[in-house]
Amino acid sequence: MSDIEVFEEEEDTMPPKAMNSEAIKKLVEELLEEKLKEAEQSKEKGKADEDESEEEIDEDAKEMEKLAPNQKMFLNSLKSVNRDNVESLPTYGGSLNGEEVLDWIEALNNHFEYKEVPEEKRVSLAKSRLKGSALLWWTVVQEERTNEGKKKITSWERMKNKIKEQFLPIDYEV
């Protein structure tokens, strides 16, 4: 289970400010762990620079702390773009938090662009990253279209617009 999924499972029980600080802590911890692993691997290969130390890792952590929560989420989404594993992409559960909706869409856009995902696969991949009320809503939208004799939505642009219409707060300014 990824940190993103753990973060989202907890979102129903934690107030928004606590969620942001928990997500930030997890992201900083993850980055520190990666830096430590990289340093250990370099030392094992005999390529470690003795001047590289925990001070540099601490500096990276301090830099991460200076970032706004949405910048940290964006960095996290960029990390997921570099992985081949689709499960590393964030999931979206139907939160009415405007930034969360747009961050999820942006993470998928980044993945689609970087991996050159064909248009015909984007909707099904995006659907696989929906959960909870968002997945239920999308399933109903597609079933209603079928029942009305319309084709299912197969365009990522159209899906994004539908998601924004449904989940962005009315007064949210993009």
Protein backbone atom coordinates (compact mmCIF):
# COMPACT_ATOMS: atom_id res chain seq x y z
CA MET A 1 0.00 0.00 0.00
CA SER A 2 1.48 3.37 -0.97
CA ASP A 3 1.73 6.40 1.31
CA ILE A 4 -0.84 8.13 -0.87
CA GLU A 5 -3.37 5.35 -0.29
CA VAL A 6 -2.69 5.36 3.45
CA PHE A 7 -3.16 9.13 3.49
CA GLU A 8 -6.47 8.89 1.68
CA GLU A 9 -7.84 6.10 3.85
CA GLU A 10 -7.31 8.29 6.89
CA GLU A 11 -8.88 11.40 5.38
CA ASP A 12 -12.39 10.69 6.66
CA THR A 13 -11.27 10.64 10.29
CA MET A 14 -8.77 13.48 10.37
CA PRO A 15 -9.36 17.22 10.06
CA PRO A 16 -7.88 18.83 6.91
CA LYS A 17 -4.99 20.58 8.73
CA ALA A 18 -3.93 17.30 10.35
CA MET A 19 -4.11 15.54 6.99
CA ASN A 20 -1.79 18.10 5.42
CA SER A 21 0.76 17.89 8.23
CA GLU A 22 0.60 14.05 8.23
CA ALA A 23 1.05 13.96 4.46
CA ILE A 24 3.96 16.36 4.73
CA LYS A 25 5.60 14.30 7.48
CA LYS A 26 5.20 11.10 5.45
CA LEU A 27 6.61 12.72 2.32
CA VAL A 28 9.64 14.11 4.19
CA GLU A 29 10.23 10.73 5.86
CA GLU A 30 10.00 8.97 2.52
CA LEU A 31 12.46 11.38 0.90
CA LEU A 32 14.87 11.01 3.82
CA GLU A 33 14.67 7.22 3.60
CA GLU A 34 15.39 7.36 -0.13
CA LYS A 35 18.38 9.66 0.43
CA LEU A 36 19.76 7.34 3.12
CA LYS A 37 19.33 4.30 0.86
CA GLU A 38 21.08 6.10 -2.00
CA ALA A 39 23.98 7.05 0.27
CA GLU A 40 24.29 3.47 1.54
CA GLN A 41 24.27 2.11 -2.00
CA SER A 42 26.95 4.60 -3.06
CA LYS A 43 29.16 3.62 -0.14
CA GLU A 44 28.72 -0.06 -0.94
CA LYS A 45 29.85 0.55 -4.50
CA GLY A 46 32.88 2.46 -3.29
CA LYS A 47 31.65 5.67 -4.90
CA ALA A 48 30.48 7.40 -1.73
CA ASP A 49 31.86 10.81 -1.07
CA GLU A 50 32.88 11.04 2.58
CA ASP A 51 31.68 14.63 2.74
CA GLU A 52 28.13 13.56 1.93
CA SER A 53 26.43 13.17 5.25
CA GLU A 54 23.23 13.49 7.17
CA GLU A 55 23.71 17.27 7.06
CA GLU A 56 22.85 17.23 3.35
CA ILE A 57 19.85 15.01 4.02
CA ASP A 58 18.73 17.43 6.76
CA GLU A 59 19.07 20.31 4.27
CA ASP A 60 16.80 18.46 1.82
CA ALA A 61 14.25 17.92 4.59
CA LYS A 62 14.37 21.62 5.50
CA GLU A 63 13.81 22.55 1.86
CA MET A 64 10.80 20.22 1.73
CA GLU A 65 9.37 21.84 4.87
CA LYS A 66 9.47 25.25 3.13
CA LEU A 67 7.18 24.05 0.33
CA ALA A 68 3.45 24.66 0.41
CA PRO A 69 1.26 21.54 0.80
CA ASN A 70 0.13 21.67 -2.84
CA GLN A 71 3.76 21.87 -4.00
CA LYS A 72 4.59 18.79 -1.94
CA MET A 73 1.64 16.92 -3.44
CA PHE A 74 2.84 17.97 -6.89
CA LEU A 75 6.34 16.66 -6.13
CA ASN A 76 4.78 13.43 -4.93
CA SER A 77 2.81 13.15 -8.17
CA LEU A 78 6.02 13.70 -10.14
CA LYS A 79 7.62 10.85 -8.22
CA SER A 80 4.76 8.61 -9.24
CA VAL A 81 5.26 9.60 -12.89
CA ASN A 82 8.75 8.12 -12.74
CA ARG A 83 7.45 4.71 -11.71
CA ASP A 84 6.20 2.19 -14.22
CA ASN A 85 3.68 0.84 -11.74
CA VAL A 86 0.15 2.23 -12.23
CA GLU A 87 -0.63 1.46 -8.59
CA SER A 88 1.84 4.19 -7.65
CA LEU A 89 -0.55 6.79 -9.07
CA PRO A 90 -2.80 8.46 -6.51
CA THR A 91 -6.39 7.38 -6.09
CA TYR A 92 -9.34 9.71 -5.80
CA GLY A 93 -12.26 8.89 -3.53
CA GLY A 94 -14.70 11.73 -4.17
CA SER A 95 -13.50 14.42 -1.79
CA LEU A 96 -15.00 17.85 -2.46
CA ASN A 97 -11.63 19.47 -1.78
CA GLY A 98 -10.87 21.43 -4.97
CA GLU A 99 -7.10 21.12 -4.67
CA GLU A 100 -7.32 17.37 -4.18
CA VAL A 101 -9.44 16.95 -7.32
CA LEU A 102 -7.11 19.09 -9.42
CA ASP A 103 -3.95 17.50 -7.98
CA TRP A 104 -5.29 14.03 -8.83
CA ILE A 105 -6.12 15.12 -12.39
CA GLU A 106 -2.68 16.73 -12.77
CA ALA A 107 -0.92 13.59 -11.52
CA LEU A 108 -2.78 11.53 -14.12
CA ASN A 109 -2.07 14.11 -16.85
CA ASN A 110 1.64 13.94 -15.98
CA HIS A 111 1.58 10.14 -16.11
CA PHE A 112 -0.29 10.05 -19.43
CA GLU A 113 2.11 12.53 -20.99
CA TYR A 114 5.30 10.99 -19.62
CA LYS A 115 4.31 7.40 -20.43
CA GLU A 116 2.67 8.43 -23.71
CA VAL A 117 -0.52 6.62 -22.75
CA PRO A 118 -2.83 6.41 -25.79
CA GLU A 119 -6.11 8.32 -25.54
CA GLU A 120 -8.16 5.11 -25.78
CA LYS A 121 -6.55 3.76 -22.58
CA ARG A 122 -6.70 6.92 -20.46
CA VAL A 123 -10.31 6.65 -19.25
CA SER A 124 -9.95 3.04 -18.14
CA LEU A 125 -6.66 3.81 -16.40
CA ALA A 126 -8.21 6.83 -14.67
CA LYS A 127 -11.20 4.73 -13.64
CA SER A 128 -8.82 2.22 -12.05
CA ARG A 129 -7.56 5.03 -9.80
CA LEU A 130 -11.06 5.98 -8.61
CA LYS A 131 -12.40 4.58 -5.36
CA GLY A 132 -15.34 4.95 -3.00
CA SER A 133 -18.01 7.47 -3.92
CA ALA A 134 -16.05 8.70 -6.96
CA LEU A 135 -15.96 5.19 -8.44
CA LEU A 136 -19.63 4.64 -7.67
CA TRP A 137 -20.54 7.98 -9.26
CA TRP A 138 -18.50 7.22 -12.42
CA THR A 139 -20.07 3.77 -12.76
CA VAL A 140 -23.56 5.29 -12.53
CA VAL A 141 -22.67 8.00 -15.10
CA GLN A 142 -21.53 5.36 -17.59
CA GLU A 143 -24.52 3.06 -16.91
CA GLU A 144 -26.98 5.95 -17.33
CA ARG A 145 -25.42 6.83 -20.69
CA THR A 146 -25.76 3.21 -21.82
CA ASN A 147 -29.40 3.09 -20.63
CA GLU A 148 -30.11 6.30 -22.56
CA GLY A 149 -28.67 4.79 -25.74
CA LYS A 150 -25.56 6.98 -25.60
CA LYS A 151 -21.99 5.78 -25.91
CA LYS A 152 -19.88 5.56 -22.78
CA ILE A 153 -17.40 8.36 -22.27
CA THR A 154 -14.05 7.33 -23.73
CA SER A 155 -12.29 10.71 -23.85
CA TRP A 156 -10.02 11.70 -20.96
CA GLU A 157 -10.85 15.38 -21.58
CA ARG A 158 -14.56 14.63 -21.27
CA MET A 159 -14.01 12.52 -18.15
CA LYS A 160 -11.97 15.31 -16.55
CA ASN A 161 -14.74 17.81 -17.28
CA LYS A 162 -17.38 15.52 -15.76
CA ILE A 163 -15.24 14.98 -12.65
CA LYS A 164 -14.70 18.72 -12.25
CA GLU A 165 -18.43 19.40 -12.69
CA GLN A 166 -19.27 16.81 -10.04
CA PHE A 167 -16.55 17.27 -7.45
CA LEU A 168 -15.19 20.81 -7.63
CA PRO A 169 -17.05 23.10 -5.26
CA ILE A 170 -19.32 25.53 -7.09
CA ASP A 171 -17.43 28.54 -5.80
CA TYR A 172 -13.97 27.07 -6.49
CA GLU A 173 -11.85 29.28 -8.73
CA VAL A 174 -9.42 27.48 -11.02
